[in-house]
Amino acid sequence: MGNLLARIIAMMIFFLSLLSILLTSGGCERQSQVCFEQACFEVEVADEPGERAQGLMHRESLDESKGMLFIFEQQETYSFWMKNTLIPLDIIWIDEKQKVVHIARNAQPCTGQECPSINPGAQAKYALEINANLSERKGISVGDTTRISLHKK
């Protein structure tokens, strides 16, 4: 009987250790996502002023299934620029009802002092940056509905 109890305790310790490893390695962590009917993107969330100002500046690459989601406090017209951004991007503005209101396709990097502003001409609560031309390849258009799933940082 004592041998059986020792085995049960050893198995419990093993499973608790395994659970601890999974939790600390991010094995159970869920990613924030923006999904369209045609595609989903795992996103980094930029919901603080400093994060929004930094955006994807100085990044040399972005995986095709990834992006950055900018979240604003209220729905307004938000312009973007590509200063110190090294990769071409599509910028997709999304309103508070999670509907695409504008897409700037193939926005080009700007490393100079003067960078043009990209104005959507529409109010939005969110903006999604993904790799250039990906919105066209995936068939994402103005008027499409999204599903935004946010998970704690």
Protein backbone atom coordinates (compact mmCIF):
# COMPACT_ATOMS: atom_id res chain seq x y z
CA MET A 1 0.00 0.00 0.00
CA GLY A 2 2.87 2.38 0.86
CA ASN A 3 4.46 1.71 -2.55
CA LEU A 4 1.22 2.64 -4.33
CA LEU A 5 0.93 5.88 -2.35
CA ALA A 6 4.54 6.77 -3.24
CA ARG A 7 3.79 6.20 -6.95
CA ILE A 8 0.66 8.39 -6.80
CA ILE A 9 2.59 11.18 -5.10
CA ALA A 10 5.41 10.91 -7.66
CA MET A 11 2.89 11.10 -10.54
CA MET A 12 1.20 14.13 -8.98
CA ILE A 13 4.57 15.88 -8.64
CA PHE A 14 5.36 15.05 -12.27
CA PHE A 15 2.05 16.45 -13.57
CA LEU A 16 2.30 19.58 -11.43
CA SER A 17 5.83 20.16 -12.74
CA LEU A 18 4.64 19.70 -16.32
CA LEU A 19 1.77 22.15 -15.77
CA SER A 20 4.19 24.68 -14.29
CA ILE A 21 6.48 24.40 -17.33
CA LEU A 22 3.58 24.88 -19.73
CA LEU A 23 2.29 27.93 -17.90
CA THR A 24 5.67 29.67 -17.61
CA SER A 25 6.69 28.92 -21.20
CA GLY A 26 3.53 30.44 -22.65
CA GLY A 27 2.21 27.06 -23.73
CA CYS A 28 -1.29 28.01 -22.58
CA GLU A 29 -1.15 31.66 -23.66
CA ARG A 30 -3.66 32.74 -26.29
CA GLN A 31 -2.82 35.38 -28.87
CA SER A 32 -4.85 38.41 -29.80
CA GLN A 33 -6.30 38.04 -33.30
CA VAL A 34 -8.04 39.98 -36.01
CA CYS A 35 -10.05 37.70 -38.26
CA PHE A 36 -11.73 38.36 -41.58
CA GLU A 37 -13.84 35.82 -43.42
CA GLN A 38 -10.79 35.07 -45.59
CA ALA A 39 -7.93 35.15 -43.06
CA CYS A 40 -6.86 35.60 -39.44
CA PHE A 41 -3.83 37.49 -38.17
CA GLU A 42 -2.14 37.11 -34.80
CA VAL A 43 -1.54 40.67 -33.63
CA GLU A 44 0.58 42.63 -31.26
CA VAL A 45 -1.67 45.16 -29.56
CA ALA A 46 -0.69 48.83 -29.44
CA ASP A 47 -3.18 50.43 -27.07
CA GLU A 48 -0.92 52.83 -25.15
CA PRO A 49 0.32 56.14 -26.61
CA GLY A 50 3.97 55.03 -26.62
CA GLU A 51 3.16 51.73 -28.30
CA ARG A 52 1.06 53.46 -30.94
CA ALA A 53 3.84 56.01 -31.60
CA GLN A 54 6.44 53.21 -32.01
CA GLY A 55 4.24 50.93 -34.12
CA LEU A 56 6.29 48.74 -36.45
CA MET A 57 9.19 51.21 -36.73
CA HIS A 58 12.64 49.69 -37.23
CA ARG A 59 11.29 46.16 -37.87
CA GLU A 60 13.03 44.39 -40.71
CA SER A 61 10.33 41.78 -41.30
CA LEU A 62 6.83 40.70 -40.36
CA ASP A 63 5.51 37.14 -40.66
CA GLU A 64 2.67 36.81 -43.16
CA SER A 65 0.20 35.67 -40.49
CA LYS A 66 1.10 38.48 -38.05
CA GLY A 67 0.29 42.15 -37.68
CA MET A 68 -0.09 45.04 -35.27
CA LEU A 69 -3.47 46.25 -34.06
CA PHE A 70 -3.71 49.88 -32.94
CA ILE A 71 -6.55 50.51 -30.52
CA PHE A 72 -7.70 54.06 -29.89
CA GLU A 73 -9.75 55.38 -26.97
CA GLN A 74 -12.50 56.71 -29.21
CA GLN A 75 -13.57 56.56 -32.81
CA GLU A 76 -12.02 59.41 -34.83
CA THR A 77 -10.05 59.95 -38.04
CA TYR A 78 -6.49 58.75 -37.37
CA SER A 79 -3.71 59.44 -39.87
CA PHE A 80 -0.61 57.25 -40.07
CA TRP A 81 2.84 57.76 -41.50
CA MET A 82 5.65 55.39 -42.35
CA LYS A 83 8.54 57.22 -40.65
CA ASN A 84 11.37 54.82 -39.79
CA THR A 85 9.26 51.91 -40.99
CA LEU A 86 11.46 49.54 -42.96
CA ILE A 87 8.85 47.28 -44.57
CA PRO A 88 5.93 48.14 -46.86
CA LEU A 89 2.56 47.67 -45.18
CA ASP A 90 -1.18 47.59 -45.74
CA ILE A 91 -3.03 49.69 -43.18
CA ILE A 92 -6.64 48.68 -42.56
CA TRP A 93 -8.87 51.07 -40.59
CA ILE A 94 -11.74 49.42 -38.71
CA ASP A 95 -14.65 51.18 -37.01
CA GLU A 96 -16.18 50.48 -33.59
CA LYS A 97 -18.62 48.02 -35.18
CA GLN A 98 -15.57 46.09 -36.49
CA LYS A 99 -16.25 46.99 -40.11
CA VAL A 100 -13.42 47.91 -42.51
CA VAL A 101 -13.79 51.59 -43.43
CA HIS A 102 -10.56 52.18 -45.42
CA ILE A 103 -7.47 50.35 -46.67
CA ALA A 104 -4.16 51.97 -47.61
CA ARG A 105 -2.48 49.28 -49.70
CA ASN A 106 1.28 49.02 -50.12
CA ALA A 107 2.24 52.00 -47.93
CA GLN A 108 5.95 52.48 -48.55
CA PRO A 109 8.71 52.97 -45.96
CA CYS A 110 9.92 56.49 -45.23
CA THR A 111 13.36 57.05 -43.76
CA GLY A 112 13.66 60.75 -44.57
CA GLN A 113 12.80 63.74 -42.43
CA GLU A 114 9.59 64.56 -44.36
CA CYS A 115 7.12 61.68 -44.51
CA PRO A 116 3.65 61.98 -46.01
CA SER A 117 0.64 61.37 -43.80
CA ILE A 118 -1.83 58.66 -44.82
CA ASN A 119 -5.34 59.85 -44.01
CA PRO A 120 -8.19 57.33 -44.28
CA GLY A 121 -10.87 59.98 -44.64
CA ALA A 122 -13.04 57.88 -42.33
CA GLN A 123 -13.46 57.49 -38.61
CA ALA A 124 -12.06 54.36 -36.99
CA LYS A 125 -11.49 52.84 -33.56
CA TYR A 126 -8.81 50.40 -34.76
CA ALA A 127 -6.08 50.21 -37.39
CA LEU A 128 -4.43 46.97 -38.46
CA GLU A 129 -1.00 46.89 -40.08
CA ILE A 130 -0.05 43.80 -42.09
CA ASN A 131 2.42 43.09 -44.88
CA ALA A 132 1.94 45.08 -48.08
CA ASN A 133 -0.46 43.68 -50.69
CA LEU A 134 -1.63 40.96 -48.31
CA SER A 135 -5.09 42.52 -47.97
CA GLU A 136 -5.55 42.32 -51.74
CA ARG A 137 -4.19 38.76 -51.96
CA LYS A 138 -6.55 37.66 -49.17
CA GLY A 139 -9.51 39.50 -50.71
CA ILE A 140 -10.01 41.93 -47.81
CA SER A 141 -12.11 44.94 -48.85
CA VAL A 142 -13.78 48.04 -47.46
CA GLY A 143 -17.11 46.97 -45.97
CA ASP A 144 -15.83 43.59 -44.72
CA THR A 145 -16.60 42.70 -41.12
CA THR A 146 -13.86 41.62 -38.72
CA ARG A 147 -13.76 39.70 -35.49
CA ILE A 148 -11.28 41.13 -33.01
CA SER A 149 -10.29 38.83 -30.14
CA LEU A 150 -8.12 40.49 -27.50
CA HIS A 151 -6.20 38.65 -24.81
CA LYS A 152 -4.31 40.09 -21.87
CA LYS A 153 -0.70 41.11 -22.45
